[in-house]
Amino acid sequence: MAKASKKAAPKKRRTVANAKKSPAKKTPRKWSAKVTSTSDALDLEAKVFESKDPAKIARSLKRSADKSNRRKTTPFQSAMSMLNFYINRAGKNLTAKEKAPLEKAKDELRRLYGKED
């Protein structure tokens, strides 16, 4: 008496055609704007990133980072992180002219914290 061999059915691979579609999520389109305004680490001044003065931006970020009790890193790291976040995400659609003061604010922030080379 021969045993009948049982072959396992081949597994279906997930492809675009048979992938389950998840229900549409209602997320805000500008999630980065929400993060900027409701950051758990820093309470930012209103419209701080709209300033054309790099020193003013850096001073404001320093003030916010220094007085925050909720941040998990050093004040310098928190301030620089928020500035980089804004440049890379929230400020993704900025023109070069609008982005220039933000990039210069990084150097000013380093100077204020004594982290310059």
PDB file of N, CA and C in Angstrom:
ATOM      1  N   MET A   1       0.839  -1.171   0.000  1.00  0.00           N
ATOM      2  CA  MET A   1       0.000   0.000   0.000  1.00  0.00           C
ATOM      3  C   MET A   1       0.884   1.234   0.000  1.00  0.00           C
ATOM      4  N   ALA A   2       0.763   2.025  -0.988  1.00  0.00           N
ATOM      5  CA  ALA A   2       1.593   3.220  -1.126  1.00  0.00           C
ATOM      6  C   ALA A   2       0.901   4.397  -0.461  1.00  0.00           C
ATOM      7  N   LYS A   3       1.725   5.174   0.190  1.00  0.00           N
ATOM      8  CA  LYS A   3       1.177   6.367   0.845  1.00  0.00           C
ATOM      9  C   LYS A   3       0.973   7.458  -0.190  1.00  0.00           C
ATOM     10  N   ALA A   4      -0.117   8.120  -0.054  1.00  0.00           N
ATOM     11  CA  ALA A   4      -0.380   9.251  -0.948  1.00  0.00           C
ATOM     12  C   ALA A   4       0.394  10.449  -0.422  1.00  0.00           C
ATOM     13  N   SER A   5       1.189  11.037  -1.269  1.00  0.00           N
ATOM     14  CA  SER A   5       1.952  12.198  -0.813  1.00  0.00           C
ATOM     15  C   SER A   5       1.078  13.441  -0.889  1.00  0.00           C
ATOM     16  N   LYS A   6       1.158  14.186   0.144  1.00  0.00           N
ATOM     17  CA  LYS A   6       0.378  15.422   0.187  1.00  0.00           C
ATOM     18  C   LYS A   6       1.305  16.580  -0.120  1.00  0.00           C
ATOM     19  N   LYS A   7       1.013  17.282  -1.168  1.00  0.00           N
ATOM     20  CA  LYS A   7       1.792  18.465  -1.500  1.00  0.00           C
ATOM     21  C   LYS A   7       1.096  19.680  -0.927  1.00  0.00           C
ATOM     22  N   ALA A   8       1.884  20.517  -0.328  1.00  0.00           N
ATOM     23  CA  ALA A   8       1.309  21.760   0.189  1.00  0.00           C
ATOM     24  C   ALA A   8       1.004  22.664  -0.994  1.00  0.00           C
ATOM     25  N   ALA A   9      -0.116  23.291  -0.919  1.00  0.00           N
ATOM     26  CA  ALA A   9      -0.484  24.217  -1.985  1.00  0.00           C
ATOM     27  C   ALA A   9       0.497  25.381  -1.976  1.00  0.00           C
ATOM     28  N   PRO A  10       0.910  25.839  -3.143  1.00  0.00           N
ATOM     29  CA  PRO A  10       1.855  26.968  -3.155  1.00  0.00           C
ATOM     30  C   PRO A  10       1.219  28.200  -2.530  1.00  0.00           C
ATOM     31  N   LYS A  11       2.036  28.936  -1.791  1.00  0.00           N
ATOM     32  CA  LYS A  11       1.542  30.146  -1.132  1.00  0.00           C
ATOM     33  C   LYS A  11       1.284  31.222  -2.166  1.00  0.00           C
ATOM     34  N   LYS A  12       0.229  31.943  -1.927  1.00  0.00           N
ATOM     35  CA  LYS A  12      -0.067  33.063  -2.810  1.00  0.00           C
ATOM     36  C   LYS A  12       0.851  34.214  -2.451  1.00  0.00           C
ATOM     37  N   ARG A  13       1.440  34.765  -3.436  1.00  0.00           N
ATOM     38  CA  ARG A  13       2.286  35.927  -3.189  1.00  0.00           C
ATOM     39  C   ARG A  13       1.452  37.178  -3.294  1.00  0.00           C
ATOM     40  N   ARG A  14       1.755  38.101  -2.418  1.00  0.00           N
ATOM     41  CA  ARG A  14       1.027  39.374  -2.452  1.00  0.00           C
ATOM     42  C   ARG A  14       1.573  40.223  -3.578  1.00  0.00           C
ATOM     43  N   THR A  15       0.723  40.566  -4.435  1.00  0.00           N
ATOM     44  CA  THR A  15       1.096  41.479  -5.507  1.00  0.00           C
ATOM     45  C   THR A  15       0.123  42.634  -5.475  1.00  0.00           C
ATOM     46  N   VAL A  16       0.370  43.590  -6.283  1.00  0.00           N
ATOM     47  CA  VAL A  16      -0.522  44.744  -6.341  1.00  0.00           C
ATOM     48  C   VAL A  16      -1.932  44.298  -6.705  1.00  0.00           C
ATOM     49  N   ALA A  17      -2.039  43.268  -7.551  1.00  0.00           N
ATOM     50  CA  ALA A  17      -3.351  42.815  -8.008  1.00  0.00           C
ATOM     51  C   ALA A  17      -4.161  42.159  -6.899  1.00  0.00           C
ATOM     52  N   ASN A  18      -3.501  41.385  -6.010  1.00  0.00           N
ATOM     53  CA  ASN A  18      -4.284  40.695  -4.986  1.00  0.00           C
ATOM     54  C   ASN A  18      -4.044  41.232  -3.572  1.00  0.00           C
ATOM     55  N   ALA A  19      -3.393  42.343  -3.445  1.00  0.00           N
ATOM     56  CA  ALA A  19      -3.167  42.940  -2.134  1.00  0.00           C
ATOM     57  C   ALA A  19      -4.485  43.484  -1.591  1.00  0.00           C
ATOM     58  N   LYS A  20      -4.658  43.313  -0.309  1.00  0.00           N
ATOM     59  CA  LYS A  20      -5.867  43.839   0.321  1.00  0.00           C
ATOM     60  C   LYS A  20      -5.759  45.351   0.406  1.00  0.00           C
ATOM     61  N   LYS A  21      -6.807  45.982   0.062  1.00  0.00           N
ATOM     62  CA  LYS A  21      -6.810  47.443   0.136  1.00  0.00           C
ATOM     63  C   LYS A  21      -7.293  47.864   1.510  1.00  0.00           C
ATOM     64  N   SER A  22      -6.545  48.762   2.111  1.00  0.00           N
ATOM     65  CA  SER A  22      -6.962  49.260   3.413  1.00  0.00           C
ATOM     66  C   SER A  22      -7.929  50.414   3.200  1.00  0.00           C
ATOM     67  N   PRO A  23      -8.803  50.617   4.155  1.00  0.00           N
ATOM     68  CA  PRO A  23      -9.750  51.718   4.003  1.00  0.00           C
ATOM     69  C   PRO A  23      -9.013  53.051   3.973  1.00  0.00           C
ATOM     70  N   ALA A  24      -9.575  53.981   3.300  1.00  0.00           N
ATOM     71  CA  ALA A  24      -8.941  55.298   3.184  1.00  0.00           C
ATOM     72  C   ALA A  24      -8.804  55.923   4.559  1.00  0.00           C
ATOM     73  N   LYS A  25      -7.624  56.448   4.826  1.00  0.00           N
ATOM     74  CA  LYS A  25      -7.366  57.088   6.123  1.00  0.00           C
ATOM     75  C   LYS A  25      -7.586  58.577   5.981  1.00  0.00           C
ATOM     76  N   LYS A  26      -8.132  59.147   6.992  1.00  0.00           N
ATOM     77  CA  LYS A  26      -8.341  60.594   6.975  1.00  0.00           C
ATOM     78  C   LYS A  26      -7.233  61.251   7.784  1.00  0.00           C
ATOM     79  N   THR A  27      -6.087  61.424   7.147  1.00  0.00           N
ATOM     80  CA  THR A  27      -4.969  62.086   7.798  1.00  0.00           C
ATOM     81  C   THR A  27      -4.820  63.474   7.202  1.00  0.00           C
ATOM     82  N   PRO A  28      -4.388  64.398   8.018  1.00  0.00           N
ATOM     83  CA  PRO A  28      -4.203  65.748   7.473  1.00  0.00           C
ATOM     84  C   PRO A  28      -3.111  65.739   6.417  1.00  0.00           C
ATOM     85  N   ARG A  29      -3.307  66.500   5.381  1.00  0.00           N
ATOM     86  CA  ARG A  29      -2.312  66.551   4.308  1.00  0.00           C
ATOM     87  C   ARG A  29      -1.015  67.171   4.793  1.00  0.00           C
ATOM     88  N   LYS A  30      -1.094  68.103   5.655  1.00  0.00           N
ATOM     89  CA  LYS A  30       0.096  68.815   6.127  1.00  0.00           C
ATOM     90  C   LYS A  30       0.453  68.347   7.544  1.00  0.00           C
ATOM     91  N   TRP A  31       0.809  67.083   7.688  1.00  0.00           N
ATOM     92  CA  TRP A  31       1.140  66.556   9.000  1.00  0.00           C
ATOM     93  C   TRP A  31       2.343  67.274   9.588  1.00  0.00           C
ATOM     94  N   SER A  32       3.238  67.737   8.731  1.00  0.00           N
ATOM     95  CA  SER A  32       4.430  68.409   9.234  1.00  0.00           C
ATOM     96  C   SER A  32       4.070  69.746   9.874  1.00  0.00           C
ATOM     97  N   ALA A  33       3.042  70.409   9.371  1.00  0.00           N
ATOM     98  CA  ALA A  33       2.599  71.663   9.981  1.00  0.00           C
ATOM     99  C   ALA A  33       2.057  71.402  11.377  1.00  0.00           C
ATOM    100  N   LYS A  34       1.374  70.277  11.537  1.00  0.00           N
ATOM    101  CA  LYS A  34       0.845  69.922  12.861  1.00  0.00           C
ATOM    102  C   LYS A  34       1.988  69.644  13.826  1.00  0.00           C
ATOM    103  N   VAL A  35       3.011  68.922  13.367  1.00  0.00           N
ATOM    104  CA  VAL A  35       4.160  68.620  14.222  1.00  0.00           C
ATOM    105  C   VAL A  35       4.853  69.915  14.647  1.00  0.00           C
ATOM    106  N   THR A  36       5.026  70.816  13.694  1.00  0.00           N
ATOM    107  CA  THR A  36       5.693  72.082  13.994  1.00  0.00           C
ATOM    108  C   THR A  36       4.919  72.877  15.044  1.00  0.00           C
ATOM    109  N   SER A  37       3.608  72.866  14.945  1.00  0.00           N
ATOM    110  CA  SER A  37       2.807  73.680  15.868  1.00  0.00           C
ATOM    111  C   SER A  37       2.518  72.979  17.187  1.00  0.00           C
ATOM    112  N   THR A  38       2.571  71.640  17.221  1.00  0.00           N
ATOM    113  CA  THR A  38       2.227  70.935  18.453  1.00  0.00           C
ATOM    114  C   THR A  38       3.355  70.045  18.951  1.00  0.00           C
ATOM    115  N   SER A  39       4.578  70.411  18.668  1.00  0.00           N
ATOM    116  CA  SER A  39       5.720  69.611  19.091  1.00  0.00           C
ATOM    117  C   SER A  39       5.664  69.369  20.592  1.00  0.00           C
ATOM    118  N   ASP A  40       5.946  68.139  20.986  1.00  0.00           N
ATOM    119  CA  ASP A  40       5.915  67.806  22.403  1.00  0.00           C
ATOM    120  C   ASP A  40       7.189  68.277  23.103  1.00  0.00           C
ATOM    121  N   ALA A  41       8.212  68.578  22.356  1.00  0.00           N
ATOM    122  CA  ALA A  41       9.484  68.950  22.970  1.00  0.00           C
ATOM    123  C   ALA A  41       9.659  70.456  23.112  1.00  0.00           C
ATOM    124  N   LEU A  42       9.177  71.212  22.144  1.00  0.00           N
ATOM    125  CA  LEU A  42       9.396  72.658  22.168  1.00  0.00           C
ATOM    126  C   LEU A  42       8.096  73.414  21.952  1.00  0.00           C
ATOM    127  N   ASP A  43       7.937  74.488  22.691  1.00  0.00           N
ATOM    128  CA  ASP A  43       6.835  75.420  22.456  1.00  0.00           C
ATOM    129  C   ASP A  43       7.420  76.563  21.646  1.00  0.00           C
ATOM    130  N   LEU A  44       7.170  76.533  20.352  1.00  0.00           N
ATOM    131  CA  LEU A  44       7.755  77.525  19.451  1.00  0.00           C
ATOM    132  C   LEU A  44       6.933  78.798  19.419  1.00  0.00           C
ATOM    133  N   GLU A  45       7.627  79.894  19.186  1.00  0.00           N
ATOM    134  CA  GLU A  45       6.933  81.159  18.986  1.00  0.00           C
ATOM    135  C   GLU A  45       6.188  81.100  17.659  1.00  0.00           C
ATOM    136  N   ALA A  46       5.095  81.810  17.567  1.00  0.00           N
ATOM    137  CA  ALA A  46       4.305  81.822  16.341  1.00  0.00           C
ATOM    138  C   ALA A  46       5.120  82.386  15.184  1.00  0.00           C
ATOM    139  N   LYS A  47       5.043  81.729  14.050  1.00  0.00           N
ATOM    140  CA  LYS A  47       5.668  82.164  12.801  1.00  0.00           C
ATOM    141  C   LYS A  47       7.181  82.364  12.905  1.00  0.00           C
ATOM    142  N   VAL A  48       7.833  81.609  13.776  1.00  0.00           N
ATOM    143  CA  VAL A  48       9.277  81.768  13.963  1.00  0.00           C
ATOM    144  C   VAL A  48      10.047  81.458  12.682  1.00  0.00           C
ATOM    145  N   PHE A  49       9.587  80.503  11.902  1.00  0.00           N
ATOM    146  CA  PHE A  49      10.329  80.106  10.707  1.00  0.00           C
ATOM    147  C   PHE A  49      10.061  81.024   9.517  1.00  0.00           C
ATOM    148  N   GLU A  50       9.153  81.954   9.665  1.00  0.00           N
ATOM    149  CA  GLU A  50       8.850  82.879   8.574  1.00  0.00           C
ATOM    150  C   GLU A  50       9.752  84.116   8.584  1.00  0.00           C
ATOM    151  N   SER A  51      10.528  84.261   9.644  1.00  0.00           N
ATOM    152  CA  SER A  51      11.427  85.407   9.754  1.00  0.00           C
ATOM    153  C   SER A  51      12.524  85.323   8.696  1.00  0.00           C
ATOM    154  N   LYS A  52      12.985  86.489   8.249  1.00  0.00           N
ATOM    155  CA  LYS A  52      14.084  86.543   7.277  1.00  0.00           C
ATOM    156  C   LYS A  52      15.435  86.738   7.968  1.00  0.00           C
ATOM    157  N   ASP A  53      15.408  86.872   9.289  1.00  0.00           N
ATOM    158  CA  ASP A  53      16.616  87.114  10.071  1.00  0.00           C
ATOM    159  C   ASP A  53      17.082  85.816  10.743  1.00  0.00           C
ATOM    160  N   PRO A  54      18.199  85.229  10.288  1.00  0.00           N
ATOM    161  CA  PRO A  54      18.684  83.971  10.871  1.00  0.00           C
ATOM    162  C   PRO A  54      18.961  84.067  12.372  1.00  0.00           C
ATOM    163  N   ALA A  55      19.474  85.207  12.813  1.00  0.00           N
ATOM    164  CA  ALA A  55      19.775  85.378  14.243  1.00  0.00           C
ATOM    165  C   ALA A  55      18.495  85.333  15.067  1.00  0.00           C
ATOM    166  N   LYS A  56      17.433  85.940  14.564  1.00  0.00           N
ATOM    167  CA  LYS A  56      16.150  85.954  15.273  1.00  0.00           C
ATOM    168  C   LYS A  56      15.584  84.531  15.368  1.00  0.00           C
ATOM    169  N   ILE A  57      15.683  83.771  14.279  1.00  0.00           N
ATOM    170  CA  ILE A  57      15.211  82.385  14.274  1.00  0.00           C
ATOM    171  C   ILE A  57      15.996  81.569  15.300  1.00  0.00           C
ATOM    172  N   ALA A  58      17.317  81.705  15.277  1.00  0.00           N
ATOM    173  CA  ALA A  58      18.178  80.938  16.184  1.00  0.00           C
ATOM    174  C   ALA A  58      17.917  81.309  17.643  1.00  0.00           C
ATOM    175  N   ARG A  59      17.785  82.601  17.920  1.00  0.00           N
ATOM    176  CA  ARG A  59      17.515  83.032  19.308  1.00  0.00           C
ATOM    177  C   ARG A  59      16.179  82.485  19.803  1.00  0.00           C
ATOM    178  N   SER A  60      15.180  82.502  18.945  1.00  0.00           N
ATOM    179  CA  SER A  60      13.862  82.001  19.322  1.00  0.00           C
ATOM    180  C   SER A  60      13.907  80.497  19.608  1.00  0.00           C
ATOM    181  N   LEU A  61      14.588  79.752  18.749  1.00  0.00           N
ATOM    182  CA  LEU A  61      14.718  78.310  18.969  1.00  0.00           C
ATOM    183  C   LEU A  61      15.491  78.022  20.255  1.00  0.00           C
ATOM    184  N   LYS A  62      16.535  78.791  20.490  1.00  0.00           N
ATOM    185  CA  LYS A  62      17.337  78.605  21.711  1.00  0.00           C
ATOM    186  C   LYS A  62      16.489  78.874  22.950  1.00  0.00           C
ATOM    187  N   ARG A  63      15.742  79.973  22.914  1.00  0.00           N
ATOM    188  CA  ARG A  63      14.859  80.319  24.037  1.00  0.00           C
ATOM    189  C   ARG A  63      13.873  79.180  24.312  1.00  0.00           C
ATOM    190  N   SER A  64      13.241  78.677  23.261  1.00  0.00           N
ATOM    191  CA  SER A  64      12.261  77.603  23.410  1.00  0.00           C
ATOM    192  C   SER A  64      12.897  76.326  23.945  1.00  0.00           C
ATOM    193  N   ALA A  65      14.049  75.972  23.415  1.00  0.00           N
ATOM    194  CA  ALA A  65      14.720  74.738  23.839  1.00  0.00           C
ATOM    195  C   ALA A  65      15.232  74.833  25.265  1.00  0.00           C
ATOM    196  N   ASP A  66      15.756  75.990  25.637  1.00  0.00           N
ATOM    197  CA  ASP A  66      16.302  76.160  26.985  1.00  0.00           C
ATOM    198  C   ASP A  66      15.220  76.087  28.059  1.00  0.00           C
ATOM    199  N   LYS A  67      14.036  76.584  27.761  1.00  0.00           N
ATOM    200  CA  LYS A  67      13.001  76.605  28.808  1.00  0.00           C
ATOM    201  C   LYS A  67      12.099  75.370  28.794  1.00  0.00           C
ATOM    202  N   SER A  68      12.255  74.487  27.816  1.00  0.00           N
ATOM    203  CA  SER A  68      11.411  73.299  27.730  1.00  0.00           C
ATOM    204  C   SER A  68      11.817  72.253  28.762  1.00  0.00           C
ATOM    205  N   ASN A  69      10.824  71.685  29.426  1.00  0.00           N
ATOM    206  CA  ASN A  69      11.064  70.603  30.388  1.00  0.00           C
ATOM    207  C   ASN A  69      10.712  69.244  29.793  1.00  0.00           C
ATOM    208  N   ARG A  70      10.168  69.233  28.582  1.00  0.00           N
ATOM    209  CA  ARG A  70       9.678  67.984  27.995  1.00  0.00           C
ATOM    210  C   ARG A  70      10.647  67.366  26.995  1.00  0.00           C
ATOM    211  N   ARG A  71      11.713  68.053  26.663  1.00  0.00           N
ATOM    212  CA  ARG A  71      12.621  67.517  25.655  1.00  0.00           C
ATOM    213  C   ARG A  71      13.394  66.331  26.217  1.00  0.00           C
ATOM    214  N   LYS A  72      13.824  65.457  25.320  1.00  0.00           N
ATOM    215  CA  LYS A  72      14.540  64.245  25.721  1.00  0.00           C
ATOM    216  C   LYS A  72      16.034  64.329  25.472  1.00  0.00           C
ATOM    217  N   THR A  73      16.468  65.381  24.785  1.00  0.00           N
ATOM    218  CA  THR A  73      17.891  65.548  24.477  1.00  0.00           C
ATOM    219  C   THR A  73      18.352  66.895  25.019  1.00  0.00           C
ATOM    220  N   THR A  74      19.562  67.276  24.651  1.00  0.00           N
ATOM    221  CA  THR A  74      20.075  68.570  25.090  1.00  0.00           C
ATOM    222  C   THR A  74      19.305  69.687  24.386  1.00  0.00           C
ATOM    223  N   PRO A  75      19.322  70.882  24.943  1.00  0.00           N
ATOM    224  CA  PRO A  75      18.632  71.993  24.287  1.00  0.00           C
ATOM    225  C   PRO A  75      19.149  72.231  22.862  1.00  0.00           C
ATOM    226  N   PHE A  76      20.463  72.132  22.669  1.00  0.00           N
ATOM    227  CA  PHE A  76      21.026  72.334  21.336  1.00  0.00           C
ATOM    228  C   PHE A  76      20.470  71.317  20.348  1.00  0.00           C
ATOM    229  N   GLN A  77      20.451  70.047  20.739  1.00  0.00           N
ATOM    230  CA  GLN A  77      19.955  69.000  19.845  1.00  0.00           C
ATOM    231  C   GLN A  77      18.478  69.191  19.527  1.00  0.00           C
ATOM    232  N   SER A  78      17.694  69.586  20.510  1.00  0.00           N
ATOM    233  CA  SER A  78      16.268  69.817  20.279  1.00  0.00           C
ATOM    234  C   SER A  78      16.041  70.965  19.312  1.00  0.00           C
ATOM    235  N   ALA A  79      16.754  72.059  19.521  1.00  0.00           N
ATOM    236  CA  ALA A  79      16.593  73.228  18.666  1.00  0.00           C
ATOM    237  C   ALA A  79      17.041  72.927  17.236  1.00  0.00           C
ATOM    238  N   MET A  80      18.196  72.286  17.097  1.00  0.00           N
ATOM    239  CA  MET A  80      18.708  71.961  15.765  1.00  0.00           C
ATOM    240  C   MET A  80      17.799  70.952  15.074  1.00  0.00           C
ATOM    241  N   SER A  81      17.290  70.009  15.826  1.00  0.00           N
ATOM    242  CA  SER A  81      16.397  68.998  15.274  1.00  0.00           C
ATOM    243  C   SER A  81      15.116  69.626  14.735  1.00  0.00           C
ATOM    244  N   MET A  82      14.545  70.561  15.475  1.00  0.00           N
ATOM    245  CA  MET A  82      13.320  71.214  15.016  1.00  0.00           C
ATOM    246  C   MET A  82      13.595  72.052  13.771  1.00  0.00           C
ATOM    247  N   LEU A  83      14.728  72.717  13.742  1.00  0.00           N
ATOM    248  CA  LEU A  83      15.088  73.521  12.570  1.00  0.00           C
ATOM    249  C   LEU A  83      15.284  72.624  11.339  1.00  0.00           C
ATOM    250  N   ASN A  84      16.004  71.523  11.509  1.00  0.00           N
ATOM    251  CA  ASN A  84      16.200  70.586  10.404  1.00  0.00           C
ATOM    252  C   ASN A  84      14.886  69.960   9.958  1.00  0.00           C
ATOM    253  N   PHE A  85      14.039  69.640  10.909  1.00  0.00           N
ATOM    254  CA  PHE A  85      12.730  69.084  10.563  1.00  0.00           C
ATOM    255  C   PHE A  85      11.964  70.067   9.687  1.00  0.00           C
ATOM    256  N   TYR A  86      11.959  71.312  10.094  1.00  0.00           N
ATOM    257  CA  TYR A  86      11.210  72.299   9.315  1.00  0.00           C
ATOM    258  C   TYR A  86      11.787  72.443   7.904  1.00  0.00           C
ATOM    259  N   ILE A  87      13.095  72.501   7.804  1.00  0.00           N
ATOM    260  CA  ILE A  87      13.728  72.656   6.487  1.00  0.00           C
ATOM    261  C   ILE A  87      13.432  71.440   5.606  1.00  0.00           C
ATOM    262  N   ASN A  88      13.560  70.246   6.161  1.00  0.00           N
ATOM    263  CA  ASN A  88      13.429  69.028   5.362  1.00  0.00           C
ATOM    264  C   ASN A  88      11.999  68.594   5.085  1.00  0.00           C
ATOM    265  N   ARG A  89      11.083  68.922   5.958  1.00  0.00           N
ATOM    266  CA  ARG A  89       9.710  68.450   5.792  1.00  0.00           C
ATOM    267  C   ARG A  89       8.737  69.598   5.574  1.00  0.00           C
ATOM    268  N   ALA A  90       8.561  70.401   6.587  1.00  0.00           N
ATOM    269  CA  ALA A  90       7.574  71.471   6.495  1.00  0.00           C
ATOM    270  C   ALA A  90       7.971  72.506   5.455  1.00  0.00           C
ATOM    271  N   GLY A  91       9.268  72.736   5.307  1.00  0.00           N
ATOM    272  CA  GLY A  91       9.730  73.737   4.357  1.00  0.00           C
ATOM    273  C   GLY A  91      10.131  73.171   3.016  1.00  0.00           C
ATOM    274  N   LYS A  92       9.628  71.978   2.726  1.00  0.00           N
ATOM    275  CA  LYS A  92       9.996  71.280   1.494  1.00  0.00           C
ATOM    276  C   LYS A  92       9.711  72.112   0.246  1.00  0.00           C
ATOM    277  N   ASN A  93       8.685  72.913   0.279  1.00  0.00           N
ATOM    278  CA  ASN A  93       8.293  73.691  -0.892  1.00  0.00           C
ATOM    279  C   ASN A  93       8.768  75.143  -0.842  1.00  0.00           C
ATOM    280  N   LEU A  94       9.717  75.425   0.021  1.00  0.00           N
ATOM    281  CA  LEU A  94      10.233  76.791   0.107  1.00  0.00           C
ATOM    282  C   LEU A  94      11.125  77.101  -1.084  1.00  0.00           C
ATOM    283  N   THR A  95      11.139  78.365  -1.455  1.00  0.00           N
ATOM    284  CA  THR A  95      12.059  78.794  -2.506  1.00  0.00           C
ATOM    285  C   THR A  95      13.459  78.900  -1.904  1.00  0.00           C
ATOM    286  N   ALA A  96      14.461  79.001  -2.738  1.00  0.00           N
ATOM    287  CA  ALA A  96      15.842  79.136  -2.261  1.00  0.00           C
ATOM    288  C   ALA A  96      15.993  80.394  -1.416  1.00  0.00           C
ATOM    289  N   LYS A  97      15.297  81.454  -1.820  1.00  0.00           N
ATOM    290  CA  LYS A  97      15.369  82.720  -1.090  1.00  0.00           C
ATOM    291  C   LYS A  97      14.759  82.582   0.310  1.00  0.00           C
ATOM    292  N   GLU A  98      13.689  81.795   0.431  1.00  0.00           N
ATOM    293  CA  GLU A  98      13.041  81.589   1.730  1.00  0.00           C
ATOM    294  C   GLU A  98      13.837  80.615   2.598  1.00  0.00           C
ATOM    295  N   LYS A  99      14.542  79.682   1.973  1.00  0.00           N
ATOM    296  CA  LYS A  99      15.291  78.669   2.713  1.00  0.00           C
ATOM    297  C   LYS A  99      16.636  79.195   3.218  1.00  0.00           C
ATOM    298  N   ALA A 100      17.213  80.192   2.556  1.00  0.00           N
ATOM    299  CA  ALA A 100      18.539  80.707   2.912  1.00  0.00           C
ATOM    300  C   ALA A 100      18.651  81.140   4.378  1.00  0.00           C
ATOM    301  N   PRO A 101      17.704  81.938   4.911  1.00  0.00           N
ATOM    302  CA  PRO A 101      17.832  82.324   6.329  1.00  0.00           C
ATOM    303  C   PRO A 101      17.751  81.129   7.277  1.00  0.00           C
ATOM    304  N   LEU A 102      17.005  80.110   6.896  1.00  0.00           N
ATOM    305  CA  LEU A 102      16.899  78.923   7.743  1.00  0.00           C
ATOM    306  C   LEU A 102      18.225  78.167   7.787  1.00  0.00           C
ATOM    307  N   GLU A 103      18.886  78.073   6.645  1.00  0.00           N
ATOM    308  CA  GLU A 103      20.194  77.409   6.604  1.00  0.00           C
ATOM    309  C   GLU A 103      21.222  78.213   7.399  1.00  0.00           C
ATOM    310  N   LYS A 104      21.170  79.533   7.303  1.00  0.00           N
ATOM    311  CA  LYS A 104      22.097  80.385   8.063  1.00  0.00           C
ATOM    312  C   LYS A 104      21.789  80.322   9.552  1.00  0.00           C
ATOM    313  N   ALA A 105      20.522  80.057   9.898  1.00  0.00           N
ATOM    314  CA  ALA A 105      20.136  79.961  11.307  1.00  0.00           C
ATOM    315  C   ALA A 105      20.824  78.773  11.983  1.00  0.00           C
ATOM    316  N   LYS A 106      21.157  77.734  11.208  1.00  0.00           N
ATOM    317  CA  LYS A 106      21.887  76.593  11.774  1.00  0.00           C
ATOM    318  C   LYS A 106      23.245  77.046  12.307  1.00  0.00           C
ATOM    319  N   ASP A 107      23.968  77.824  11.492  1.00  0.00           N
ATOM    320  CA  ASP A 107      25.275  78.323  11.928  1.00  0.00           C
ATOM    321  C   ASP A 107      25.130  79.236  13.139  1.00  0.00           C
ATOM    322  N   GLU A 108      24.101  80.060  13.128  1.00  0.00           N
ATOM    323  CA  GLU A 108      23.862  80.978  14.250  1.00  0.00           C
ATOM    324  C   GLU A 108      23.520  80.191  15.524  1.00  0.00           C
ATOM    325  N   LEU A 109      22.759  79.138  15.374  1.00  0.00           N
ATOM    326  CA  LEU A 109      22.401  78.300  16.520  1.00  0.00           C
ATOM    327  C   LEU A 109      23.651  77.621  17.091  1.00  0.00           C
ATOM    328  N   ARG A 110      24.515  77.140  16.215  1.00  0.00           N
ATOM    329  CA  ARG A 110      25.779  76.549  16.682  1.00  0.00           C
ATOM    330  C   ARG A 110      26.609  77.581  17.445  1.00  0.00           C
ATOM    331  N   ARG A 111      26.641  78.820  16.927  1.00  0.00           N
ATOM    332  CA  ARG A 111      27.393  79.885  17.577  1.00  0.00           C
ATOM    333  C   ARG A 111      26.823  80.193  18.959  1.00  0.00           C
ATOM    334  N   LEU A 112      25.480  80.262  19.052  1.00  0.00           N
ATOM    335  CA  LEU A 112      24.842  80.577  20.327  1.00  0.00           C
ATOM    336  C   LEU A 112      25.120  79.516  21.396  1.00  0.00           C
ATOM    337  N   TYR A 113      25.243  78.271  20.965  1.00  0.00           N
ATOM    338  CA  TYR A 113      25.505  77.176  21.902  1.00  0.00           C
ATOM    339  C   TYR A 113      26.988  76.865  22.032  1.00  0.00           C
ATOM    340  N   GLY A 114      27.849  77.613  21.359  1.00  0.00           N
ATOM    341  CA  GLY A 114      29.294  77.389  21.450  1.00  0.00           C
ATOM    342  C   GLY A 114      29.721  76.086  20.800  1.00  0.00           C
ATOM    343  N   LYS A 115      29.032  75.675  19.753  1.00  0.00           N
ATOM    344  CA  LYS A 115      29.341  74.411  19.066  1.00  0.00           C
ATOM    345  C   LYS A 115      30.009  74.655  17.716  1.00  0.00           C
ATOM    346  N   GLU A 116      30.489  75.851  17.495  1.00  0.00           N
ATOM    347  CA  GLU A 116      31.090  76.160  16.198  1.00  0.00           C
ATOM    348  C   GLU A 116      32.462  75.525  16.079  1.00  0.00           C
ATOM    349  N   ASP A 117      32.873  75.295  14.851  1.00  0.00           N
ATOM    350  CA  ASP A 117      34.177  74.664  14.609  1.00  0.00           C
ATOM    351  C   ASP A 117      35.306  75.631  14.797  1.00  0.00           C
TER     352      ASP A 117
END
